[in-house]
Amino acid sequence: MLLLLTLAFLASPTCRAQNVLGNAAGKYFYVQGEDQGQLKGMRIFLSVFKFIKGFQLQFGSNWTDVYGTRSDNFIDFLLEDGEHVIKPKCLYLSV
Protein backbone atom coordinates (compact mmCIF):
# COMPACT_ATOMS: atom_id res chain seq x y z
CA MET A 1 0.00 0.00 0.00
CA LEU A 2 2.83 2.38 0.85
CA LEU A 3 4.47 1.62 -2.50
CA LEU A 4 1.23 2.48 -4.33
CA LEU A 5 0.91 5.80 -2.46
CA THR A 6 4.54 6.66 -3.21
CA LEU A 7 4.09 5.98 -6.93
CA ALA A 8 0.89 8.05 -7.01
CA PHE A 9 2.67 10.92 -5.28
CA LEU A 10 5.62 10.83 -7.70
CA ALA A 11 3.35 10.69 -10.76
CA SER A 12 1.14 13.61 -9.70
CA PRO A 13 3.47 16.46 -10.87
CA THR A 14 3.47 14.95 -14.37
CA CYS A 15 -0.32 14.94 -14.46
CA ARG A 16 -0.50 18.54 -13.27
CA ALA A 17 2.00 19.66 -15.92
CA GLN A 18 -0.11 18.05 -18.61
CA ASN A 19 -3.05 20.24 -17.56
CA VAL A 20 -0.89 23.36 -17.92
CA LEU A 21 0.78 22.46 -21.19
CA GLY A 22 -1.97 20.45 -22.83
CA ASN A 23 -1.44 17.66 -25.30
CA ALA A 24 -1.40 19.77 -28.47
CA ALA A 25 1.57 21.24 -30.31
CA GLY A 26 2.84 24.62 -29.24
CA LYS A 27 5.13 26.20 -26.72
CA TYR A 28 4.48 27.14 -23.12
CA PHE A 29 6.01 30.34 -21.83
CA TYR A 30 5.65 32.69 -18.90
CA VAL A 31 5.47 36.47 -19.00
CA GLN A 32 6.62 38.18 -15.83
CA GLY A 33 5.38 41.70 -15.24
CA GLU A 34 4.12 41.78 -11.68
CA ASP A 35 6.95 44.13 -10.74
CA GLN A 36 5.55 46.68 -13.25
CA GLY A 37 2.04 46.71 -11.78
CA GLN A 38 -1.22 44.91 -12.42
CA LEU A 39 -2.22 43.58 -15.82
CA LYS A 40 -4.34 46.35 -17.35
CA GLY A 41 -4.69 45.36 -21.00
CA MET A 42 -4.01 42.96 -23.84
CA ARG A 43 -3.51 43.75 -27.52
CA ILE A 44 -3.99 40.88 -29.97
CA PHE A 45 -2.50 41.30 -33.46
CA LEU A 46 -4.41 39.48 -36.22
CA SER A 47 -3.68 38.42 -39.79
CA VAL A 48 -6.01 39.18 -42.70
CA PHE A 49 -7.72 35.84 -42.07
CA LYS A 50 -8.13 36.59 -38.31
CA PHE A 51 -5.34 34.28 -37.14
CA ILE A 52 -3.38 35.48 -34.11
CA LYS A 53 0.01 36.80 -35.23
CA GLY A 54 1.15 38.28 -31.93
CA PHE A 55 0.14 39.92 -28.70
CA GLN A 56 1.24 42.57 -26.26
CA LEU A 57 0.43 43.05 -22.57
CA GLN A 58 -0.01 46.23 -20.57
CA PHE A 59 1.21 46.22 -16.96
CA GLY A 60 0.36 49.47 -15.18
CA SER A 61 0.88 52.12 -17.85
CA ASN A 62 3.66 50.25 -19.72
CA TRP A 63 3.20 47.94 -22.72
CA THR A 64 5.52 44.93 -23.08
CA ASP A 65 7.40 44.06 -26.23
CA VAL A 66 5.31 42.29 -28.86
CA TYR A 67 5.32 38.49 -28.60
CA GLY A 68 5.09 37.32 -32.20
CA THR A 69 4.53 39.85 -35.00
CA ARG A 70 2.85 43.26 -35.13
CA SER A 71 -0.03 43.88 -37.51
CA ASP A 72 -2.19 46.87 -38.52
CA ASN A 73 -5.22 44.74 -37.59
CA PHE A 74 -5.46 44.40 -33.79
CA ILE A 75 -7.96 44.20 -30.94
CA ASP A 76 -7.42 45.86 -27.56
CA PHE A 77 -8.85 44.38 -24.36
CA LEU A 78 -8.50 47.01 -21.64
CA LEU A 79 -9.37 46.19 -18.04
CA GLU A 80 -11.20 48.63 -15.79
CA ASP A 81 -10.22 49.06 -12.13
CA GLY A 82 -11.28 45.98 -10.18
CA GLU A 83 -11.34 43.69 -13.26
CA HIS A 84 -8.89 40.79 -13.46
CA VAL A 85 -8.03 38.05 -15.95
CA ILE A 86 -9.01 34.75 -14.36
CA LYS A 87 -8.36 32.23 -17.13
CA PRO A 88 -7.38 32.93 -20.74
CA LYS A 89 -8.69 30.32 -23.15
CA CYS A 90 -8.11 29.94 -26.86
CA LEU A 91 -9.60 27.68 -29.48
CA TYR A 92 -7.51 26.38 -32.35
CA LEU A 93 -9.25 24.94 -35.40
CA SER A 94 -7.11 23.18 -37.94
CA VAL A 95 -8.11 24.01 -41.50
PDB file of N, CA and C in Angstrom:
ATOM      1  N   MET A   1       0.822  -1.189   0.000  1.00  0.00           N
ATOM      2  CA  MET A   1       0.000   0.000   0.000  1.00  0.00           C
ATOM      3  C   MET A   1       0.870   1.258   0.000  1.00  0.00           C
ATOM      4  N   LEU A   2       1.934   1.237   0.797  1.00  0.00           N
ATOM      5  CA  LEU A   2       2.835   2.377   0.854  1.00  0.00           C
ATOM      6  C   LEU A   2       3.511   2.604  -0.498  1.00  0.00           C
ATOM      7  N   LEU A   3       3.868   1.511  -1.185  1.00  0.00           N
ATOM      8  CA  LEU A   3       4.471   1.623  -2.503  1.00  0.00           C
ATOM      9  C   LEU A   3       3.502   2.281  -3.483  1.00  0.00           C
ATOM     10  N   LEU A   4       2.244   1.903  -3.441  1.00  0.00           N
ATOM     11  CA  LEU A   4       1.232   2.479  -4.327  1.00  0.00           C
ATOM     12  C   LEU A   4       1.060   3.975  -4.063  1.00  0.00           C
ATOM     13  N   LEU A   5       1.029   4.379  -2.804  1.00  0.00           N
ATOM     14  CA  LEU A   5       0.910   5.798  -2.465  1.00  0.00           C
ATOM     15  C   LEU A   5       2.134   6.589  -2.918  1.00  0.00           C
ATOM     16  N   THR A   6       3.312   5.995  -2.774  1.00  0.00           N
ATOM     17  CA  THR A   6       4.542   6.658  -3.212  1.00  0.00           C
ATOM     18  C   THR A   6       4.545   6.864  -4.716  1.00  0.00           C
ATOM     19  N   LEU A   7       4.153   5.850  -5.473  1.00  0.00           N
ATOM     20  CA  LEU A   7       4.089   5.978  -6.932  1.00  0.00           C
ATOM     21  C   LEU A   7       3.057   7.019  -7.356  1.00  0.00           C
ATOM     22  N   ALA A   8       1.918   7.051  -6.694  1.00  0.00           N
ATOM     23  CA  ALA A   8       0.892   8.047  -7.009  1.00  0.00           C
ATOM     24  C   ALA A   8       1.402   9.455  -6.724  1.00  0.00           C
ATOM     25  N   PHE A   9       2.119   9.611  -5.630  1.00  0.00           N
ATOM     26  CA  PHE A   9       2.672  10.916  -5.279  1.00  0.00           C
ATOM     27  C   PHE A   9       3.711  11.372  -6.301  1.00  0.00           C
ATOM     28  N   LEU A  10       4.580  10.474  -6.736  1.00  0.00           N
ATOM     29  CA  LEU A  10       5.618  10.826  -7.704  1.00  0.00           C
ATOM     30  C   LEU A  10       5.051  11.106  -9.084  1.00  0.00           C
ATOM     31  N   ALA A  11       3.948  10.486  -9.443  1.00  0.00           N
ATOM     32  CA  ALA A  11       3.351  10.691 -10.764  1.00  0.00           C
ATOM     33  C   ALA A  11       2.488  11.940 -10.823  1.00  0.00           C
ATOM     34  N   SER A  12       2.067  12.478  -9.697  1.00  0.00           N
ATOM     35  CA  SER A  12       1.138  13.613  -9.701  1.00  0.00           C
ATOM     36  C   SER A  12       1.699  14.878 -10.347  1.00  0.00           C
ATOM     37  N   PRO A  13       2.989  15.266 -10.180  1.00  0.00           N
ATOM     38  CA  PRO A  13       3.472  16.460 -10.872  1.00  0.00           C
ATOM     39  C   PRO A  13       3.382  16.338 -12.390  1.00  0.00           C
ATOM     40  N   THR A  14       3.590  15.154 -12.932  1.00  0.00           N
ATOM     41  CA  THR A  14       3.473  14.951 -14.372  1.00  0.00           C
ATOM     42  C   THR A  14       2.053  15.208 -14.832  1.00  0.00           C
ATOM     43  N   CYS A  15       1.083  14.731 -14.091  1.00  0.00           N
ATOM     44  CA  CYS A  15      -0.319  14.937 -14.459  1.00  0.00           C
ATOM     45  C   CYS A  15      -0.683  16.409 -14.393  1.00  0.00           C
ATOM     46  N   ARG A  16      -0.200  17.115 -13.379  1.00  0.00           N
ATOM     47  CA  ARG A  16      -0.503  18.543 -13.272  1.00  0.00           C
ATOM     48  C   ARG A  16       0.140  19.317 -14.415  1.00  0.00           C
ATOM     49  N   ALA A  17       1.348  18.966 -14.816  1.00  0.00           N
ATOM     50  CA  ALA A  17       2.005  19.660 -15.916  1.00  0.00           C
ATOM     51  C   ALA A  17       1.248  19.457 -17.216  1.00  0.00           C
ATOM     52  N   GLN A  18       0.649  18.303 -17.395  1.00  0.00           N
ATOM     53  CA  GLN A  18      -0.112  18.046 -18.607  1.00  0.00           C
ATOM     54  C   GLN A  18      -1.307  18.985 -18.690  1.00  0.00           C
ATOM     55  N   ASN A  19      -1.931  19.306 -17.559  1.00  0.00           N
ATOM     56  CA  ASN A  19      -3.048  20.243 -17.565  1.00  0.00           C
ATOM     57  C   ASN A  19      -2.597  21.640 -17.969  1.00  0.00           C
ATOM     58  N   VAL A  20      -1.399  22.042 -17.574  1.00  0.00           N
ATOM     59  CA  VAL A  20      -0.890  23.363 -17.917  1.00  0.00           C
ATOM     60  C   VAL A  20      -0.491  23.422 -19.381  1.00  0.00           C
ATOM     61  N   LEU A  21       0.240  22.433 -19.839  1.00  0.00           N
ATOM     62  CA  LEU A  21       0.785  22.464 -21.187  1.00  0.00           C
ATOM     63  C   LEU A  21      -0.172  21.929 -22.234  1.00  0.00           C
ATOM     64  N   GLY A  22      -1.078  21.052 -21.855  1.00  0.00           N
ATOM     65  CA  GLY A  22      -1.972  20.451 -22.831  1.00  0.00           C
ATOM     66  C   GLY A  22      -1.262  19.369 -23.612  1.00  0.00           C
ATOM     67  N   ASN A  23      -1.993  18.740 -24.491  1.00  0.00           N
ATOM     68  CA  ASN A  23      -1.435  17.661 -25.295  1.00  0.00           C
ATOM     69  C   ASN A  23      -1.184  18.088 -26.739  1.00  0.00           C
ATOM     70  N   ALA A  24      -1.531  19.310 -27.088  1.00  0.00           N
ATOM     71  CA  ALA A  24      -1.396  19.769 -28.468  1.00  0.00           C
ATOM     72  C   ALA A  24      -0.007  20.363 -28.697  1.00  0.00           C
ATOM     73  N   ALA A  25       0.293  20.622 -29.963  1.00  0.00           N
ATOM     74  CA  ALA A  25       1.568  21.237 -30.312  1.00  0.00           C
ATOM     75  C   ALA A  25       1.564  22.685 -29.851  1.00  0.00           C
ATOM     76  N   GLY A  26       2.717  23.242 -29.676  1.00  0.00           N
ATOM     77  CA  GLY A  26       2.837  24.623 -29.244  1.00  0.00           C
ATOM     78  C   GLY A  26       3.900  24.745 -28.182  1.00  0.00           C
ATOM     79  N   LYS A  27       4.107  25.954 -27.720  1.00  0.00           N
ATOM     80  CA  LYS A  27       5.130  26.197 -26.717  1.00  0.00           C
ATOM     81  C   LYS A  27       4.506  26.906 -25.532  1.00  0.00           C
ATOM     82  N   TYR A  28       4.918  26.506 -24.350  1.00  0.00           N
ATOM     83  CA  TYR A  28       4.481  27.138 -23.116  1.00  0.00           C
ATOM     84  C   TYR A  28       5.523  28.179 -22.736  1.00  0.00           C
ATOM     85  N   PHE A  29       5.074  29.335 -22.313  1.00  0.00           N
ATOM     86  CA  PHE A  29       6.011  30.338 -21.830  1.00  0.00           C
ATOM     87  C   PHE A  29       5.340  31.150 -20.733  1.00  0.00           C
ATOM     88  N   TYR A  30       6.125  31.922 -20.039  1.00  0.00           N
ATOM     89  CA  TYR A  30       5.651  32.689 -18.900  1.00  0.00           C
ATOM     90  C   TYR A  30       6.085  34.130 -19.081  1.00  0.00           C
ATOM     91  N   VAL A  31       5.161  35.050 -18.910  1.00  0.00           N
ATOM     92  CA  VAL A  31       5.465  36.474 -18.998  1.00  0.00           C
ATOM     93  C   VAL A  31       5.450  37.032 -17.588  1.00  0.00           C
ATOM     94  N   GLN A  32       6.540  37.626 -17.179  1.00  0.00           N
ATOM     95  CA  GLN A  32       6.624  38.176 -15.833  1.00  0.00           C
ATOM     96  C   GLN A  32       6.524  39.692 -15.910  1.00  0.00           C
ATOM     97  N   GLY A  33       5.531  40.255 -15.237  1.00  0.00           N
ATOM     98  CA  GLY A  33       5.382  41.700 -15.241  1.00  0.00           C
ATOM     99  C   GLY A  33       4.811  42.234 -13.952  1.00  0.00           C
ATOM    100  N   GLU A  34       4.714  41.361 -12.941  1.00  0.00           N
ATOM    101  CA  GLU A  34       4.120  41.784 -11.678  1.00  0.00           C
ATOM    102  C   GLU A  34       4.865  42.958 -11.054  1.00  0.00           C
ATOM    103  N   ASP A  35       6.169  43.041 -11.310  1.00  0.00           N
ATOM    104  CA  ASP A  35       6.951  44.131 -10.740  1.00  0.00           C
ATOM    105  C   ASP A  35       6.610  45.469 -11.389  1.00  0.00           C
ATOM    106  N   GLN A  36       5.922  45.452 -12.538  1.00  0.00           N
ATOM    107  CA  GLN A  36       5.548  46.675 -13.248  1.00  0.00           C
ATOM    108  C   GLN A  36       4.129  47.127 -12.914  1.00  0.00           C
ATOM    109  N   GLY A  37       3.410  46.363 -12.115  1.00  0.00           N
ATOM    110  CA  GLY A  37       2.036  46.713 -11.777  1.00  0.00           C
ATOM    111  C   GLY A  37       1.084  45.629 -12.225  1.00  0.00           C
ATOM    112  N   GLN A  38      -0.206  45.889 -12.045  1.00  0.00           N
ATOM    113  CA  GLN A  38      -1.221  44.908 -12.423  1.00  0.00           C
ATOM    114  C   GLN A  38      -1.407  44.862 -13.932  1.00  0.00           C
ATOM    115  N   LEU A  39      -1.875  43.723 -14.412  1.00  0.00           N
ATOM    116  CA  LEU A  39      -2.222  43.581 -15.824  1.00  0.00           C
ATOM    117  C   LEU A  39      -3.421  44.469 -16.103  1.00  0.00           C
ATOM    118  N   LYS A  40      -3.272  45.402 -17.048  1.00  0.00           N
ATOM    119  CA  LYS A  40      -4.341  46.352 -17.354  1.00  0.00           C
ATOM    120  C   LYS A  40      -4.897  46.196 -18.761  1.00  0.00           C
ATOM    121  N   GLY A  41      -4.182  45.486 -19.638  1.00  0.00           N
ATOM    122  CA  GLY A  41      -4.686  45.356 -20.997  1.00  0.00           C
ATOM    123  C   GLY A  41      -3.939  44.316 -21.805  1.00  0.00           C
ATOM    124  N   MET A  42      -4.599  43.895 -22.880  1.00  0.00           N
ATOM    125  CA  MET A  42      -4.010  42.960 -23.838  1.00  0.00           C
ATOM    126  C   MET A  42      -4.301  43.478 -25.237  1.00  0.00           C
ATOM    127  N   ARG A  43      -3.344  43.375 -26.113  1.00  0.00           N
ATOM    128  CA  ARG A  43      -3.512  43.751 -27.517  1.00  0.00           C
ATOM    129  C   ARG A  43      -3.186  42.517 -28.347  1.00  0.00           C
ATOM    130  N   ILE A  44      -4.147  42.071 -29.142  1.00  0.00           N
ATOM    131  CA  ILE A  44      -3.991  40.881 -29.970  1.00  0.00           C
ATOM    132  C   ILE A  44      -3.854  41.325 -31.420  1.00  0.00           C
ATOM    133  N   PHE A  45      -2.745  40.967 -32.061  1.00  0.00           N
ATOM    134  CA  PHE A  45      -2.503  41.297 -33.463  1.00  0.00           C
ATOM    135  C   PHE A  45      -2.994  40.149 -34.339  1.00  0.00           C
ATOM    136  N   LEU A  46      -3.776  40.489 -35.373  1.00  0.00           N
ATOM    137  CA  LEU A  46      -4.413  39.478 -36.219  1.00  0.00           C
ATOM    138  C   LEU A  46      -3.941  39.578 -37.659  1.00  0.00           C
ATOM    139  N   SER A  47      -3.971  38.436 -38.355  1.00  0.00           N
ATOM    140  CA  SER A  47      -3.680  38.416 -39.787  1.00  0.00           C
ATOM    141  C   SER A  47      -4.945  38.800 -40.549  1.00  0.00           C
ATOM    142  N   VAL A  48      -4.853  38.870 -41.860  1.00  0.00           N
ATOM    143  CA  VAL A  48      -6.007  39.185 -42.705  1.00  0.00           C
ATOM    144  C   VAL A  48      -7.119  38.162 -42.499  1.00  0.00           C
ATOM    145  N   PHE A  49      -6.745  36.917 -42.246  1.00  0.00           N
ATOM    146  CA  PHE A  49      -7.723  35.839 -42.067  1.00  0.00           C
ATOM    147  C   PHE A  49      -8.086  35.622 -40.596  1.00  0.00           C
ATOM    148  N   LYS A  50      -7.779  36.605 -39.738  1.00  0.00           N
ATOM    149  CA  LYS A  50      -8.129  36.594 -38.308  1.00  0.00           C
ATOM    150  C   LYS A  50      -7.364  35.555 -37.487  1.00  0.00           C
ATOM    151  N   PHE A  51      -6.206  35.128 -37.952  1.00  0.00           N
ATOM    152  CA  PHE A  51      -5.336  34.280 -37.144  1.00  0.00           C
ATOM    153  C   PHE A  51      -4.503  35.176 -36.231  1.00  0.00           C
ATOM    154  N   ILE A  52      -4.198  34.697 -35.038  1.00  0.00           N
ATOM    155  CA  ILE A  52      -3.382  35.481 -34.114  1.00  0.00           C
ATOM    156  C   ILE A  52      -1.934  35.467 -34.591  1.00  0.00           C
ATOM    157  N   LYS A  53      -1.384  36.672 -34.808  1.00  0.00           N
ATOM    158  CA  LYS A  53       0.007  36.804 -35.227  1.00  0.00           C
ATOM    159  C   LYS A  53       0.914  37.171 -34.060  1.00  0.00           C
ATOM    160  N   GLY A  54       0.357  37.862 -33.071  1.00  0.00           N
ATOM    161  CA  GLY A  54       1.152  38.282 -31.933  1.00  0.00           C
ATOM    162  C   GLY A  54       0.274  38.923 -30.876  1.00  0.00           C
ATOM    163  N   PHE A  55       0.882  39.219 -29.739  1.00  0.00           N
ATOM    164  CA  PHE A  55       0.143  39.920 -28.695  1.00  0.00           C
ATOM    165  C   PHE A  55       1.098  40.735 -27.839  1.00  0.00           C
ATOM    166  N   GLN A  56       0.502  41.655 -27.113  1.00  0.00           N
ATOM    167  CA  GLN A  56       1.239  42.569 -26.262  1.00  0.00           C
ATOM    168  C   GLN A  56       0.428  42.750 -24.981  1.00  0.00           C
ATOM    169  N   LEU A  57       1.100  42.889 -23.856  1.00  0.00           N
ATOM    170  CA  LEU A  57       0.427  43.046 -22.572  1.00  0.00           C
ATOM    171  C   LEU A  57       0.749  44.408 -21.977  1.00  0.00           C
ATOM    172  N   GLN A  58      -0.209  44.957 -21.252  1.00  0.00           N
ATOM    173  CA  GLN A  58      -0.008  46.230 -20.567  1.00  0.00           C
ATOM    174  C   GLN A  58      -0.023  45.988 -19.063  1.00  0.00           C
ATOM    175  N   PHE A  59       1.106  46.291 -18.414  1.00  0.00           N
ATOM    176  CA  PHE A  59       1.215  46.223 -16.959  1.00  0.00           C
ATOM    177  C   PHE A  59       1.325  47.652 -16.451  1.00  0.00           C
ATOM    178  N   GLY A  60       0.375  48.070 -15.614  1.00  0.00           N
ATOM    179  CA  GLY A  60       0.356  49.466 -15.176  1.00  0.00           C
ATOM    180  C   GLY A  60       0.110  50.347 -16.388  1.00  0.00           C
ATOM    181  N   SER A  61       1.018  51.267 -16.667  1.00  0.00           N
ATOM    182  CA  SER A  61       0.875  52.121 -17.852  1.00  0.00           C
ATOM    183  C   SER A  61       1.869  51.741 -18.950  1.00  0.00           C
ATOM    184  N   ASN A  62       2.623  50.658 -18.759  1.00  0.00           N
ATOM    185  CA  ASN A  62       3.657  50.255 -19.720  1.00  0.00           C
ATOM    186  C   ASN A  62       3.229  49.035 -20.525  1.00  0.00           C
ATOM    187  N   TRP A  63       3.456  49.088 -21.839  1.00  0.00           N
ATOM    188  CA  TRP A  63       3.202  47.943 -22.717  1.00  0.00           C
ATOM    189  C   TRP A  63       4.487  47.137 -22.858  1.00  0.00           C
ATOM    190  N   THR A  64       4.366  45.809 -22.879  1.00  0.00           N
ATOM    191  CA  THR A  64       5.522  44.931 -23.078  1.00  0.00           C
ATOM    192  C   THR A  64       5.930  44.951 -24.546  1.00  0.00           C
ATOM    193  N   ASP A  65       7.043  44.304 -24.835  1.00  0.00           N
ATOM    194  CA  ASP A  65       7.401  44.063 -26.229  1.00  0.00           C
ATOM    195  C   ASP A  65       6.338  43.163 -26.846  1.00  0.00           C
ATOM    196  N   VAL A  66       6.283  43.140 -28.166  1.00  0.00           N
ATOM    197  CA  VAL A  66       5.312  42.287 -28.863  1.00  0.00           C
ATOM    198  C   VAL A  66       5.848  40.862 -28.890  1.00  0.00           C
ATOM    199  N   TYR A  67       5.005  39.916 -28.498  1.00  0.00           N
ATOM    200  CA  TYR A  67       5.323  38.493 -28.596  1.00  0.00           C
ATOM    201  C   TYR A  67       4.725  38.016 -29.904  1.00  0.00           C
ATOM    202  N   GLY A  68       5.563  37.674 -30.867  1.00  0.00           N
ATOM    203  CA  GLY A  68       5.094  37.322 -32.200  1.00  0.00           C
ATOM    204  C   GLY A  68       5.365  38.478 -33.144  1.00  0.00           C
ATOM    205  N   THR A  69       4.371  38.821 -33.971  1.00  0.00           N
ATOM    206  CA  THR A  69       4.527  39.845 -35.000  1.00  0.00           C
ATOM    207  C   THR A  69       3.450  40.907 -34.879  1.00  0.00           C
ATOM    208  N   ARG A  70       3.826  42.163 -35.096  1.00  0.00           N
ATOM    209  CA  ARG A  70       2.847  43.258 -35.132  1.00  0.00           C
ATOM    210  C   ARG A  70       2.008  43.173 -36.402  1.00  0.00           C
ATOM    211  N   SER A  71       0.862  43.830 -36.358  1.00  0.00           N
ATOM    212  CA  SER A  71      -0.032  43.884 -37.510  1.00  0.00           C
ATOM    213  C   SER A  71      -0.855  45.159 -37.396  1.00  0.00           C
ATOM    214  N   ASP A  72      -1.313  45.691 -38.543  1.00  0.00           N
ATOM    215  CA  ASP A  72      -2.188  46.865 -38.516  1.00  0.00           C
ATOM    216  C   ASP A  72      -3.571  46.508 -37.986  1.00  0.00           C
ATOM    217  N   ASN A  73      -3.921  45.229 -38.048  1.00  0.00           N
ATOM    218  CA  ASN A  73      -5.215  44.743 -37.587  1.00  0.00           C
ATOM    219  C   ASN A  73      -5.043  44.185 -36.172  1.00  0.00           C
ATOM    220  N   PHE A  74      -5.603  44.873 -35.178  1.00  0.00           N
ATOM    221  CA  PHE A  74      -5.458  44.401 -33.794  1.00  0.00           C
ATOM    222  C   PHE A  74      -6.715  44.713 -32.996  1.00  0.00           C
ATOM    223  N   ILE A  75      -6.848  44.003 -31.878  1.00  0.00           N
ATOM    224  CA  ILE A  75      -7.958  44.201 -30.945  1.00  0.00           C
ATOM    225  C   ILE A  75      -7.354  44.491 -29.577  1.00  0.00           C
ATOM    226  N   ASP A  76      -7.851  45.534 -28.916  1.00  0.00           N
ATOM    227  CA  ASP A  76      -7.418  45.858 -27.560  1.00  0.00           C
ATOM    228  C   ASP A  76      -8.460  45.392 -26.557  1.00  0.00           C
ATOM    229  N   PHE A  77      -8.011  44.750 -25.504  1.00  0.00           N
ATOM    230  CA  PHE A  77      -8.851  44.385 -24.364  1.00  0.00           C
ATOM    231  C   PHE A  77      -8.287  45.137 -23.165  1.00  0.00           C
ATOM    232  N   LEU A  78      -8.975  46.193 -22.749  1.00  0.00           N
ATOM    233  CA  LEU A  78      -8.500  47.011 -21.638  1.00  0.00           C
ATOM    234  C   LEU A  78      -9.345  46.735 -20.405  1.00  0.00           C
ATOM    235  N   LEU A  79      -8.682  46.507 -19.287  1.00  0.00           N
ATOM    236  CA  LEU A  79      -9.371  46.186 -18.040  1.00  0.00           C
ATOM    237  C   LEU A  79      -9.642  47.453 -17.239  1.00  0.00           C
ATOM    238  N   GLU A  80     -10.838  47.527 -16.684  1.00  0.00           N
ATOM    239  CA  GLU A  80     -11.199  48.625 -15.785  1.00  0.00           C
ATOM    240  C   GLU A  80     -10.658  48.304 -14.391  1.00  0.00           C
ATOM    241  N   ASP A  81     -10.652  49.291 -13.517  1.00  0.00           N
ATOM    242  CA  ASP A  81     -10.224  49.057 -12.133  1.00  0.00           C
ATOM    243  C   ASP A  81     -11.122  48.004 -11.499  1.00  0.00           C
ATOM    244  N   GLY A  82     -10.528  47.048 -10.828  1.00  0.00           N
ATOM    245  CA  GLY A  82     -11.283  45.976 -10.185  1.00  0.00           C
ATOM    246  C   GLY A  82     -11.490  44.755 -11.065  1.00  0.00           C
ATOM    247  N   GLU A  83     -11.222  44.846 -12.371  1.00  0.00           N
ATOM    248  CA  GLU A  83     -11.340  43.687 -13.262  1.00  0.00           C
ATOM    249  C   GLU A  83     -10.011  42.943 -13.298  1.00  0.00           C
ATOM    250  N   HIS A  84     -10.084  41.625 -13.427  1.00  0.00           N
ATOM    251  CA  HIS A  84      -8.888  40.786 -13.463  1.00  0.00           C
ATOM    252  C   HIS A  84      -9.083  39.683 -14.485  1.00  0.00           C
ATOM    253  N   VAL A  85      -7.988  39.221 -15.072  1.00  0.00           N
ATOM    254  CA  VAL A  85      -8.028  38.053 -15.945  1.00  0.00           C
ATOM    255  C   VAL A  85      -7.963  36.830 -15.046  1.00  0.00           C
ATOM    256  N   ILE A  86      -8.956  35.953 -15.171  1.00  0.00           N
ATOM    257  CA  ILE A  86      -9.007  34.750 -14.357  1.00  0.00           C
ATOM    258  C   ILE A  86      -8.398  33.572 -15.108  1.00  0.00           C
ATOM    259  N   LYS A  87      -8.833  33.380 -16.368  1.00  0.00           N
ATOM    260  CA  LYS A  87      -8.358  32.233 -17.131  1.00  0.00           C
ATOM    261  C   LYS A  87      -8.460  32.538 -18.621  1.00  0.00           C
ATOM    262  N   PRO A  88      -7.322  32.756 -19.285  1.00  0.00           N
ATOM    263  CA  PRO A  88      -7.382  32.927 -20.735  1.00  0.00           C
ATOM    264  C   PRO A  88      -7.611  31.577 -21.398  1.00  0.00           C
ATOM    265  N   LYS A  89      -8.404  31.567 -22.442  1.00  0.00           N
ATOM    266  CA  LYS A  89      -8.692  30.324 -23.146  1.00  0.00           C
ATOM    267  C   LYS A  89      -8.749  30.620 -24.636  1.00  0.00           C
ATOM    268  N   CYS A  90      -8.162  29.746 -25.419  1.00  0.00           N
ATOM    269  CA  CYS A  90      -8.105  29.943 -26.856  1.00  0.00           C
ATOM    270  C   CYS A  90      -8.548  28.669 -27.549  1.00  0.00           C
ATOM    271  N   LEU A  91      -9.162  28.819 -28.691  1.00  0.00           N
ATOM    272  CA  LEU A  91      -9.605  27.676 -29.476  1.00  0.00           C
ATOM    273  C   LEU A  91      -8.831  27.659 -30.782  1.00  0.00           C
ATOM    274  N   TYR A  92      -8.258  26.532 -31.107  1.00  0.00           N
ATOM    275  CA  TYR A  92      -7.511  26.378 -32.350  1.00  0.00           C
ATOM    276  C   TYR A  92      -8.247  25.389 -33.234  1.00  0.00           C
ATOM    277  N   LEU A  93      -8.596  25.826 -34.430  1.00  0.00           N
ATOM    278  CA  LEU A  93      -9.246  24.943 -35.395  1.00  0.00           C
ATOM    279  C   LEU A  93      -8.290  24.699 -36.541  1.00  0.00           C
ATOM    280  N   SER A  94      -7.996  23.465 -36.823  1.00  0.00           N
ATOM    281  CA  SER A  94      -7.111  23.175 -37.940  1.00  0.00           C
ATOM    282  C   SER A  94      -7.926  23.191 -39.225  1.00  0.00           C
ATOM    283  N   VAL A  95      -7.385  23.843 -40.235  1.00  0.00           N
ATOM    284  CA  VAL A  95      -8.109  24.011 -41.504  1.00  0.00           C
ATOM    285  C   VAL A  95      -7.624  23.005 -42.516  1.00  0.00           C
TER     286      VAL A  95
END
